Every structure is written in structure tokens, then in C-alpha cells.
Amino acid sequence: MTKHPVDQGLPAGRLLLLGLQHMAIMYTGSVAVPLIVGSALKLDEATIALLVNADLFVAGIATLVQSIGIGKLIGVRLPVVAGATFTVVNPMILIASQYGLTAVYGSMIASGVFGLLLARPFAKMIRFFPPLVSGTLLLVIGVSLLGPGAAMIAGHDTEAPDYATPSHLGIALGVVALIVLLTRVLRGFVAQIAPLVALAVGLIVAIPLGLTHFGDVGEASWFGLASPLHFGAPTFPIAAVLSMCVVMLVTFTESTADIIAVGEITGRPATDADVARGLATDGLSAILGGFMNSFPDTAFAQNVGLVQMTRVRSRWVVAVTGGLLVVMGLVPKVGAAIASIPEPVVGGVAVIMFAMVAAVGVQNLKKVEFSGNHNTFIVAVSLGVGLLPAFATDRFGTSIFFQHFPAWLQTICGSPITLASILAFLLNLLFNHLGARKDPDLLSAP
């Protein structure tokens, strides 16, 4: 019997290059979380470096579990790359400021246990994530991530003197143009690694422009990983635990949409059992992250876009990515070398990957019947209200739309992905499940 493309292996050289490509795409997004949290908590550079190493190590283990699986309980066995979720940033900062870092990691462990217990019941709701809901969520994910993608290219502070300098924009647009050219002209494996080739060319071009800084590579150590519970024995304040459990629910919503998308792209639609195993991995990563001074992980949307673009469906490629991330977590010098790739170069690739996620959402919406119902209205409200936080930000790109709301509500509503997920899910229930009736959709085309 012929193996499904998801289960097929590839030659070692191709596996390594394709795995490296996935890692290069997700690296900046993953390490951004420990950098933001560490800076906000005014931790010293050595401690922030410790958080980065732990983050990569745990993300690598979670990625290995997602791609390879452990028995019949954990791991979706699809090309899913795991990385630290941005949803955790504000809650971690708030918890640390009120209760200390021991409460951050204690509540993370508790939320991981909560996630393991809830994974299967949550996955049973997959029937409430039809293409109408999953397509809308993926469209919101892709569009909302374009903001961070633009920040990688132009800069994170709109008032900085070097914001949106021509050299930054030029090199990013050059990377985009090169990917377009390579994808159009080349065929086969070389076309599949077009993003990686563009990254390498962009790095070379960035050197004479003074955008690269290799000093950290020489200073980084060859081996380093923080001991478990580096900040002390975990504590479990009720408010902190509840807040992190909300984060876990949000993470589940994001991961569900991404897992469904990967299943559609690879031709192996995810069942509720598949989703349950994938979500259980999110819970496992939170427990492991709590002990190893790291962060909860979720499925990374930019890597979903990469699978869509390259059409490389083998989960063993992503398993290589997981192995590389573990190595980077254990060998800081390797991580420093990857980190030397300038953000505008990575941003040029990232915006295409983010837009590919949005395109997958559009493809899902093509399967939806829009006449004689309220589906157009559901998409419109979910997009319109859900994306509001993405377009109301401060000079650093942080959403301020709900800044005067209670902290727990900011956790839920401050993320466009979370807000749109809740809206699309509830509106679909309201109009299509609870006393649904056939009415002309006033917003549909005549």
C-alpha cells in the first residue's frame, strides 16, 4: 500500500533543508515572546537568554511530538510546527507583576493539566468549526499577522528615527520579488526551498548594508539550558491559574483552526481524535514550559502557510525542524547564528507566509453556501469586529483597543484571533444551529 504523502519520508539532504526552512520561518516569532516578556519584566540579559533557550527547547519537543506522536494520546501526526503563543504575553506580565515569576510558572503548569483534561471534550466540538468558521478564523489569522510582519520589516517603534528606512523596505521587497521569481521560474525541489534561498540571498545582501550583527555568535556559549524551576518552586494563586486557563482555551481555538487547515492542505482532514491529540500537545507544552522556564506553545500559522506554498506535506520534515529547535535550545551559539538574520529579511518571507494563511481561509470559504442564509453576515461581523484590535495599536504595535477593560477581559478580547474565533463560533451556533431557519441573506449578492 502506498503511503500517504504526510507519512512519506524524503532523502536526508532534502529533509534537512526543508526542516531548516520551517525553522527559519518560525524562529523570529517564537523568540519574540521571551524577548518581550523579559524586557517588560526588566530581567537581565543573561536571564532573557535563558528564557530564549528554554523556549526553543520546549518548542522543539512540542514540534517533535506533534509530527511523530506518542501512542494514541498525544501528537496530531501532521506537519504542525509548535511555537510560543503571543496570547500568553500580557497575562504573564500581569501575573509576574502581581505574584512573581513562581506564580507565572505555577499557573502555567496548572493550565497545562487543565488543557490535557479538556483536549478531548474540546475536540468533540470540531463539528462546530465548519469551513464557515475555520475559513473566517484563518482569514483573520493571516490578516492580523500582517501587522507584526510589517513591524519586522519597517521597525517596531513608529517614532524611531530609523523606522521604515529605504534599506529595510528595499531588502524586504527584494526578498519578496526573489521568492516570486524563483517560484515562477524553477521547478521541483529548488522551487520548494525558494523561501530559504531568498533568506540566504537576503542575508548576503544585508551584510554590506550593516544590518547584520554577528558579535553575539562569538559571545554565545556552546552549551546551556536552565535547570528546571530556575526561579523557584511554583506557586498557584487562584486568579493567576484562572487567567492562564483562559489563555489555554484561547490557544486551543487557534490550534484547532491551524490543525484543520493543515489537514485540508495535506489531504488528510483532521478528525476530532486528531484535533484532541494536537490540543493535548499544547497542554503538555504548558506543563513542560512551566517546569523548564518556557512558554505555552500553539500551532504556528506561518508554517501552515509554508506547507500551502511549497506543497511539501511530509510530517518528517517538521520532525527535523523539531530536532533542530531542540539543538538550538541546547546550543546557544547555533541560536545566535540564526538570530543574526536581519528582521527585514525574515519579514519579507513572513508576510508571504501570513498571506498564504489568509488565502487558505479564502479557499475554505469557497466551500460555504452563502445564499438563503446569514453566512455572509456571520463572516462580516466576525471580520469587522474581530480585526478591530489589530488596527488600534500604540507606537509599538500593541493593541490598545480594550486597554480600559479588566485584565482578564483584555486577555480574551485583546487578540484579533481570539475575538474573531469567539464571534465566528457563537454566530454560527446562533444562526445555523439554534433554531436555524432559511431566510434570504440581505448581504448576499443578488
Protein backbone atom coordinates (compact mmCIF):
# COMPACT_ATOMS: atom_id res chain seq x y z
CA MET A 1 0.00 0.00 0.00
CA THR A 2 1.32 3.44 -0.96
CA LYS A 3 1.97 5.70 1.99
CA HIS A 4 0.05 8.95 2.28
CA PRO A 5 2.29 11.95 1.40
CA VAL A 6 2.06 13.02 5.05
CA ASP A 7 3.80 9.82 6.13
CA GLN A 8 6.34 9.59 3.32
CA GLY A 9 9.98 10.20 4.09
CA LEU A 10 12.37 12.20 1.92
CA PRO A 11 16.11 11.95 1.20
CA ALA A 12 18.20 13.15 4.14
CA GLY A 13 19.52 16.25 2.35
CA ARG A 14 16.04 17.42 1.39
CA LEU A 15 14.70 16.72 4.86
CA LEU A 16 17.42 18.87 6.40
CA LEU A 17 16.96 21.82 4.04
CA LEU A 18 13.17 21.75 4.23
CA GLY A 19 13.29 21.40 8.02
CA LEU A 20 15.72 24.31 8.23
CA GLN A 21 13.35 26.37 6.10
CA HIS A 22 10.48 25.78 8.52
CA MET A 23 12.72 26.73 11.43
CA ALA A 24 13.91 29.92 9.77
CA ILE A 25 10.29 30.95 9.16
CA MET A 26 9.14 30.43 12.74
CA TYR A 27 12.28 31.43 14.66
CA THR A 28 11.67 35.17 14.99
CA GLY A 29 8.05 34.75 16.01
CA SER A 30 8.95 32.17 18.60
CA VAL A 31 11.78 34.06 20.32
CA ALA A 32 9.79 37.31 20.26
CA VAL A 33 7.70 36.08 23.20
CA PRO A 34 10.59 35.60 25.69
CA LEU A 35 12.21 38.81 24.47
CA ILE A 36 9.03 40.83 25.04
CA VAL A 37 8.24 39.25 28.40
CA GLY A 38 11.84 39.52 29.60
CA SER A 39 12.10 43.18 28.63
CA ALA A 40 8.74 44.06 30.20
CA LEU A 41 9.79 42.41 33.48
CA LYS A 42 13.20 44.15 33.35
CA LEU A 43 15.12 40.88 33.51
CA ASP A 44 18.86 40.98 32.83
CA GLU A 45 20.29 39.83 29.50
CA ALA A 46 21.54 36.51 30.89
CA THR A 47 18.10 35.65 32.23
CA ILE A 48 16.40 36.65 28.95
CA ALA A 49 18.89 34.44 27.07
CA LEU A 50 17.92 31.62 29.42
CA LEU A 51 14.24 32.15 28.55
CA VAL A 52 15.04 32.09 24.82
CA ASN A 53 16.96 28.82 25.09
CA ALA A 54 14.19 27.22 27.14
CA ASP A 55 11.58 28.48 24.69
CA LEU A 56 13.34 26.91 21.69
CA PHE A 57 13.95 23.66 23.57
CA VAL A 58 10.30 23.22 24.58
CA ALA A 59 9.03 24.31 21.14
CA GLY A 60 11.31 21.67 19.60
CA ILE A 61 9.93 18.93 21.83
CA ALA A 62 6.34 20.03 21.13
CA THR A 63 7.03 20.06 17.38
CA LEU A 64 8.56 16.58 17.55
CA VAL A 65 5.52 15.32 19.46
CA GLN A 66 3.08 16.93 17.00
CA SER A 67 4.81 15.43 13.98
CA ILE A 68 5.75 11.97 15.30
CA GLY A 69 3.15 11.43 18.02
CA ILE A 70 3.24 9.48 21.28
CA GLY A 71 0.93 6.48 21.24
CA LYS A 72 -2.73 7.25 20.62
CA LEU A 73 -2.97 10.10 23.10
CA ILE A 74 -0.65 12.95 22.10
CA GLY A 75 0.55 14.40 18.80
CA VAL A 76 -1.54 15.13 15.70
CA ARG A 77 0.92 13.41 13.29
CA LEU A 78 0.66 16.21 10.73
CA PRO A 79 3.30 18.74 9.62
CA VAL A 80 2.50 21.11 12.51
CA VAL A 81 5.22 23.37 13.92
CA ALA A 82 4.74 24.48 17.54
CA GLY A 83 5.95 27.78 18.94
CA ALA A 84 5.30 30.15 21.84
CA THR A 85 1.89 31.80 21.63
CA PHE A 86 1.60 35.60 21.80
CA THR A 87 -1.64 35.18 23.76
CA VAL A 88 0.41 34.49 26.86
CA VAL A 89 2.41 37.75 26.83
CA ASN A 90 0.05 40.13 28.65
CA PRO A 91 -1.19 37.57 31.22
CA MET A 92 2.39 36.55 32.07
CA ILE A 93 3.44 40.16 32.59
CA LEU A 94 0.41 40.91 34.75
CA ILE A 95 0.82 37.74 36.85
CA ALA A 96 4.55 38.34 37.33
CA SER A 97 3.99 41.94 38.43
CA GLN A 98 1.37 40.88 40.98
CA TYR A 99 2.57 37.50 42.24
CA GLY A 100 6.09 36.94 40.87
CA LEU A 101 7.56 34.52 38.33
CA THR A 102 6.92 31.49 40.54
CA ALA A 103 3.19 32.17 40.11
CA VAL A 104 3.64 32.54 36.34
CA TYR A 105 5.11 29.08 36.01
CA GLY A 106 2.85 27.53 38.63
CA SER A 107 -0.26 28.78 36.84
CA MET A 108 1.23 27.59 33.54
CA ILE A 109 1.64 24.06 34.92
CA ALA A 110 -1.94 24.14 36.21
CA SER A 111 -3.25 25.35 32.85
CA GLY A 112 -1.35 22.54 31.14
CA VAL A 113 -3.09 19.94 33.31
CA PHE A 114 -6.38 21.70 32.55
CA GLY A 115 -5.53 21.51 28.84
CA LEU A 116 -4.77 17.79 28.95
CA LEU A 117 -8.11 17.12 30.66
CA LEU A 118 -10.04 19.36 28.28
CA ALA A 119 -8.38 18.36 24.98
CA ARG A 120 -10.76 15.57 24.04
CA PRO A 121 -14.01 17.31 25.10
CA PHE A 122 -12.91 20.47 23.26
CA ALA A 123 -12.08 18.47 20.14
CA LYS A 124 -15.58 16.98 20.18
CA MET A 125 -16.78 20.42 19.15
CA ILE A 126 -14.98 20.18 15.80
CA ARG A 127 -18.36 19.91 14.07
CA PHE A 128 -18.95 23.49 15.17
CA PHE A 129 -15.85 24.50 13.18
CA PRO A 130 -17.16 24.03 9.62
CA PRO A 131 -15.47 25.82 6.69
CA LEU A 132 -17.55 28.90 7.55
CA VAL A 133 -15.86 29.18 10.95
CA SER A 134 -12.41 27.76 10.15
CA GLY A 135 -12.17 29.80 6.94
CA THR A 136 -13.06 33.01 8.76
CA LEU A 137 -10.55 32.27 11.52
CA LEU A 138 -7.74 31.54 9.09
CA LEU A 139 -8.52 34.73 7.17
CA VAL A 140 -8.36 36.72 10.41
CA ILE A 141 -5.15 34.96 11.50
CA GLY A 142 -3.44 35.75 8.21
CA VAL A 143 -4.57 39.38 8.03
CA SER A 144 -3.88 40.14 11.71
CA LEU A 145 -0.34 38.74 11.45
CA LEU A 146 0.49 41.15 8.63
CA GLY A 147 0.86 43.86 11.27
CA PRO A 148 3.70 42.07 13.08
CA GLY A 149 5.12 41.18 9.65
CA ALA A 150 5.21 44.85 8.69
CA ALA A 151 6.88 45.64 12.03
CA MET A 152 9.62 43.12 11.28
CA ILE A 153 10.33 44.99 8.04
CA ALA A 154 9.88 48.65 8.98
CA GLY A 155 10.62 48.51 12.71
CA HIS A 156 8.73 48.04 15.94
CA ASP A 157 8.63 51.71 17.01
CA THR A 158 6.85 54.03 14.56
CA GLU A 159 8.51 57.07 16.13
CA ALA A 160 12.08 55.75 15.90
CA PRO A 161 14.39 57.72 13.56
CA ASP A 162 15.21 54.63 11.50
CA TYR A 163 11.59 53.50 11.13
CA ALA A 164 10.76 52.34 7.57
CA THR A 165 14.18 53.27 6.17
CA PRO A 166 14.55 52.60 2.42
CA SER A 167 17.24 49.97 3.05
CA HIS A 168 14.91 47.94 5.28
CA LEU A 169 11.97 48.19 2.93
CA GLY A 170 14.13 47.60 -0.13
CA ILE A 171 15.72 44.41 1.15
CA ALA A 172 12.35 43.01 2.29
CA LEU A 173 10.66 43.77 -1.02
CA GLY A 174 13.69 42.32 -2.79
CA VAL A 175 13.23 39.08 -0.85
CA VAL A 176 9.55 39.02 -1.86
CA ALA A 177 10.47 39.61 -5.51
CA LEU A 178 13.09 36.86 -5.40
CA ILE A 179 10.58 34.36 -3.98
CA VAL A 180 8.14 35.26 -6.76
CA LEU A 181 10.85 34.86 -9.39
CA LEU A 182 12.14 31.54 -8.05
CA THR A 183 8.63 30.13 -7.66
CA ARG A 184 7.70 31.12 -11.21
CA VAL A 185 10.90 30.02 -12.96
CA LEU A 186 12.07 26.99 -11.02
CA ARG A 187 10.53 23.56 -10.65
CA GLY A 188 10.72 20.68 -8.22
CA PHE A 189 12.75 20.75 -5.03
CA VAL A 190 14.55 24.04 -5.75
CA ALA A 191 11.21 25.79 -6.10
CA GLN A 192 10.11 24.27 -2.79
CA ILE A 193 13.03 25.87 -0.97
CA ALA A 194 12.55 29.28 -2.63
CA PRO A 195 11.89 30.97 0.76
CA LEU A 196 15.10 29.51 2.20
CA VAL A 197 17.11 30.59 -0.85
CA ALA A 198 15.61 34.08 -0.58
CA LEU A 199 16.55 34.22 3.11
CA ALA A 200 20.15 33.28 2.29
CA VAL A 201 20.40 35.85 -0.52
CA GLY A 202 18.80 38.49 1.68
CA LEU A 203 21.32 37.78 4.44
CA ILE A 204 24.22 38.17 1.99
CA VAL A 205 22.84 41.47 0.70
CA ALA A 206 22.27 42.72 4.25
CA ILE A 207 25.92 42.32 5.27
CA PRO A 208 27.35 45.28 3.32
CA LEU A 209 24.30 47.34 4.36
CA GLY A 210 25.33 46.95 8.01
CA LEU A 211 22.11 45.19 9.01
CA THR A 212 23.79 42.09 10.41
CA HIS A 213 25.42 41.72 13.81
CA PHE A 214 27.44 38.55 14.30
CA GLY A 215 29.02 39.61 17.59
CA ASP A 216 26.52 37.64 19.64
CA VAL A 217 27.56 34.42 17.87
CA GLY A 218 31.09 34.63 19.21
CA GLU A 219 29.93 35.53 22.71
CA ALA A 220 27.30 32.79 22.91
CA SER A 221 28.23 29.61 24.76
CA TRP A 222 28.32 26.18 23.13
CA PHE A 223 26.00 24.58 25.66
CA GLY A 224 23.41 25.96 28.01
CA LEU A 225 19.98 25.10 29.35
CA ALA A 226 18.41 26.40 32.52
CA SER A 227 17.75 23.95 35.30
CA PRO A 228 14.09 23.13 35.95
CA LEU A 229 12.21 25.65 38.10
CA HIS A 230 15.04 28.17 37.79
CA PHE A 231 13.03 30.88 39.58
CA GLY A 232 11.95 28.71 42.50
CA ALA A 233 9.17 26.33 43.50
CA PRO A 234 5.91 27.11 41.65
CA THR A 235 3.02 28.84 43.40
CA PHE A 236 -0.64 28.70 42.40
CA PRO A 237 -2.66 31.88 43.11
CA ILE A 238 -6.28 31.25 42.06
CA ALA A 239 -6.55 34.40 39.94
CA ALA A 240 -3.32 33.56 38.10
CA VAL A 241 -4.41 29.97 37.44
CA LEU A 242 -7.80 31.09 36.09
CA SER A 243 -6.12 33.63 33.82
CA MET A 244 -3.75 31.04 32.36
CA CYS A 245 -6.62 28.58 31.88
CA VAL A 246 -8.33 31.24 29.76
CA VAL A 247 -5.09 31.51 27.78
CA MET A 248 -5.18 27.73 27.26
CA LEU A 249 -8.72 27.94 25.86
CA VAL A 250 -7.61 30.69 23.50
CA THR A 251 -4.61 28.60 22.47
CA PHE A 252 -6.92 25.66 21.77
CA THR A 253 -9.04 27.82 19.49
CA GLU A 254 -6.01 28.97 17.49
CA SER A 255 -4.51 25.49 17.26
CA THR A 256 -7.83 23.95 16.19
CA ALA A 257 -8.10 26.33 13.24
CA ASP A 258 -4.49 25.67 12.21
CA ILE A 259 -4.78 21.88 12.57
CA ILE A 260 -7.93 21.87 10.47
CA ALA A 261 -6.12 23.98 7.85
CA VAL A 262 -3.10 21.65 7.73
CA GLY A 263 -5.43 18.68 7.37
CA GLU A 264 -7.14 20.34 4.41
CA ILE A 265 -3.84 21.33 2.77
CA THR A 266 -2.24 17.90 3.12
CA GLY A 267 -5.31 15.96 2.00
CA ARG A 268 -5.69 14.25 5.37
CA PRO A 269 -8.65 16.02 7.03
CA ALA A 270 -8.27 16.17 10.80
CA THR A 271 -10.79 14.14 12.78
CA ASP A 272 -11.86 15.06 16.30
CA ALA A 273 -9.40 12.41 17.58
CA ASP A 274 -6.58 14.09 15.61
CA VAL A 275 -7.51 17.51 16.97
CA ALA A 276 -7.67 16.09 20.51
CA ARG A 277 -4.11 14.71 20.21
CA GLY A 278 -2.90 18.02 18.82
CA LEU A 279 -4.52 20.01 21.63
CA ALA A 280 -3.16 17.60 24.23
CA THR A 281 0.31 18.53 22.95
CA ASP A 282 -0.47 22.18 23.71
CA GLY A 283 -1.33 21.15 27.27
CA LEU A 284 1.84 19.07 27.52
CA SER A 285 3.95 22.01 26.31
CA ALA A 286 2.47 24.24 29.02
CA ILE A 287 3.37 21.72 31.72
CA LEU A 288 6.87 21.24 30.32
CA GLY A 289 7.23 25.00 29.86
CA GLY A 290 6.23 25.60 33.47
CA PHE A 291 8.99 23.33 34.72
CA MET A 292 11.60 24.46 32.17
CA ASN A 293 11.01 28.25 32.44
CA SER A 294 9.48 28.44 28.98
CA PHE A 295 6.07 29.29 27.46
CA PRO A 296 2.91 27.54 26.23
CA ASP A 297 3.04 26.59 22.55
CA THR A 298 0.50 26.68 19.76
CA ALA A 299 0.50 25.65 16.10
CA PHE A 300 2.33 28.36 14.12
CA ALA A 301 0.25 29.86 11.33
CA GLN A 302 3.23 30.99 9.25
CA ASN A 303 4.34 27.38 8.91
CA VAL A 304 0.84 26.43 7.81
CA GLY A 305 1.33 29.00 5.05
CA LEU A 306 4.68 27.44 4.16
CA VAL A 307 3.10 24.00 3.77
CA GLN A 308 0.49 25.55 1.49
CA MET A 309 3.10 27.34 -0.60
CA THR A 310 5.64 24.53 -1.02
CA ARG A 311 3.14 21.63 -1.11
CA VAL A 312 5.62 19.57 0.92
CA ARG A 313 3.29 17.51 3.10
CA SER A 314 5.66 15.13 4.89
CA ARG A 315 5.46 15.34 8.66
CA TRP A 316 9.05 14.11 8.84
CA VAL A 317 10.21 17.47 7.51
CA VAL A 318 8.64 19.11 10.55
CA ALA A 319 10.16 16.42 12.78
CA VAL A 320 13.56 17.61 11.56
CA THR A 321 12.52 21.17 12.45
CA GLY A 322 11.71 19.98 15.95
CA GLY A 323 15.11 18.33 16.26
CA LEU A 324 16.84 21.50 15.08
CA LEU A 325 14.93 23.58 17.63
CA VAL A 326 16.00 21.24 20.43
CA VAL A 327 19.61 21.62 19.30
CA MET A 328 19.23 25.40 19.24
CA GLY A 329 17.82 25.31 22.76
CA LEU A 330 20.82 23.30 23.95
CA VAL A 331 23.47 25.14 21.89
CA PRO A 332 23.01 28.92 22.24
CA LYS A 333 25.71 29.59 19.65
CA VAL A 334 23.55 27.99 16.95
CA GLY A 335 20.57 30.04 18.04
CA ALA A 336 22.64 33.22 17.93
CA ALA A 337 23.70 32.42 14.36
CA ILE A 338 20.10 32.05 13.20
CA ALA A 339 19.16 35.19 15.13
CA SER A 340 21.73 37.16 13.13
CA ILE A 341 19.42 37.09 10.09
CA PRO A 342 18.06 40.67 9.98
CA GLU A 343 14.37 41.10 10.70
CA PRO A 344 13.61 42.83 7.36
CA VAL A 345 14.90 39.72 5.56
CA VAL A 346 12.75 37.38 7.66
CA GLY A 347 9.85 39.82 7.40
CA GLY A 348 9.91 39.69 3.62
CA VAL A 349 9.35 35.93 3.76
CA ALA A 350 6.95 36.13 6.70
CA VAL A 351 4.43 38.44 5.04
CA ILE A 352 4.02 35.93 2.21
CA MET A 353 3.55 33.09 4.70
CA PHE A 354 0.98 35.10 6.67
CA ALA A 355 -0.90 35.99 3.50
CA MET A 356 -0.86 32.31 2.47
CA VAL A 357 -2.72 31.53 5.71
CA ALA A 358 -5.33 34.13 4.75
CA ALA A 359 -5.52 32.57 1.28
CA VAL A 360 -6.21 29.15 2.83
CA GLY A 361 -9.06 30.81 4.71
CA VAL A 362 -10.47 32.15 1.45
CA GLN A 363 -10.24 28.66 -0.04
CA ASN A 364 -12.21 27.28 2.91
CA LEU A 365 -14.87 29.96 2.49
CA LYS A 366 -15.30 28.91 -1.14
CA LYS A 367 -16.87 25.70 0.20
CA VAL A 368 -19.56 27.64 2.07
CA GLU A 369 -23.11 28.15 0.80
CA PHE A 370 -23.85 31.87 1.03
CA SER A 371 -27.34 32.10 -0.47
CA GLY A 372 -30.55 31.76 1.52
CA ASN A 373 -28.80 32.07 4.87
CA HIS A 374 -26.89 34.51 7.12
CA ASN A 375 -23.39 33.19 6.41
CA THR A 376 -22.24 36.38 4.71
CA PHE A 377 -23.39 38.31 7.76
CA ILE A 378 -21.51 35.93 10.09
CA VAL A 379 -18.28 36.41 8.14
CA ALA A 380 -18.76 40.18 8.02
CA VAL A 381 -19.33 40.60 11.77
CA SER A 382 -16.51 38.22 12.69
CA LEU A 383 -14.06 40.01 10.39
CA GLY A 384 -15.21 43.53 11.19
CA VAL A 385 -15.28 43.28 14.96
CA GLY A 386 -12.56 40.65 15.29
CA LEU A 387 -9.94 42.71 13.45
CA LEU A 388 -10.56 45.92 15.44
CA PRO A 389 -7.77 45.19 17.98
CA ALA A 390 -5.30 44.71 15.10
CA PHE A 391 -5.95 48.22 13.78
CA ALA A 392 -5.96 50.11 17.08
CA THR A 393 -2.39 49.89 18.36
CA ASP A 394 0.21 52.04 20.08
CA ARG A 395 3.52 53.12 18.56
CA PHE A 396 4.96 49.66 19.25
CA GLY A 397 2.11 47.78 17.58
CA THR A 398 0.48 46.62 20.82
CA SER A 399 -3.31 46.64 20.72
CA ILE A 400 -4.86 49.33 22.91
CA PHE A 401 -8.47 48.95 21.77
CA PHE A 402 -9.55 47.29 25.05
CA GLN A 403 -6.95 48.90 27.31
CA HIS A 404 -9.54 50.21 29.79
CA PHE A 405 -11.19 46.82 30.22
CA PRO A 406 -10.31 44.44 33.11
CA ALA A 407 -7.11 42.47 32.60
CA TRP A 408 -8.91 39.12 32.24
CA LEU A 409 -11.15 40.56 29.54
CA GLN A 410 -8.14 42.04 27.72
CA THR A 411 -6.73 38.51 27.58
CA ILE A 412 -9.85 37.34 25.75
CA CYS A 413 -10.65 40.36 23.57
CA GLY A 414 -7.21 41.88 23.00
CA SER A 415 -6.23 39.30 20.38
CA PRO A 416 -7.93 39.59 16.98
CA ILE A 417 -7.61 35.82 16.58
CA THR A 418 -9.34 35.13 19.89
CA LEU A 419 -12.09 37.70 19.40
CA ALA A 420 -12.85 36.55 15.85
CA SER A 421 -12.81 32.90 17.00
CA ILE A 422 -15.41 33.58 19.67
CA LEU A 423 -17.58 35.62 17.31
CA ALA A 424 -17.48 33.17 14.41
CA PHE A 425 -18.15 30.22 16.72
CA LEU A 426 -21.07 31.85 18.56
CA LEU A 427 -22.63 33.42 15.48
CA ASN A 428 -22.51 30.10 13.64
CA LEU A 429 -24.29 28.49 16.61
CA LEU A 430 -26.85 31.28 16.79
CA PHE A 431 -27.78 31.39 13.11
CA ASN A 432 -27.08 27.85 11.91
CA HIS A 433 -27.78 25.59 14.88
CA LEU A 434 -30.13 27.20 17.40
CA GLY A 435 -33.49 27.29 15.69
CA ALA A 436 -31.92 27.88 12.28
CA ARG A 437 -34.26 28.98 9.53
CA LYS A 438 -33.81 29.72 5.83
CA ASP A 439 -34.00 33.44 5.20
CA PRO A 440 -32.64 35.48 2.34
CA ASP A 441 -29.24 36.81 3.24
CA LEU A 442 -29.64 40.55 2.73
CA LEU A 443 -25.90 40.95 2.31
CA SER A 444 -25.50 38.26 -0.35
CA ALA A 445 -25.19 39.14 -4.00
CA PRO A 446 -28.49 39.09 -5.94
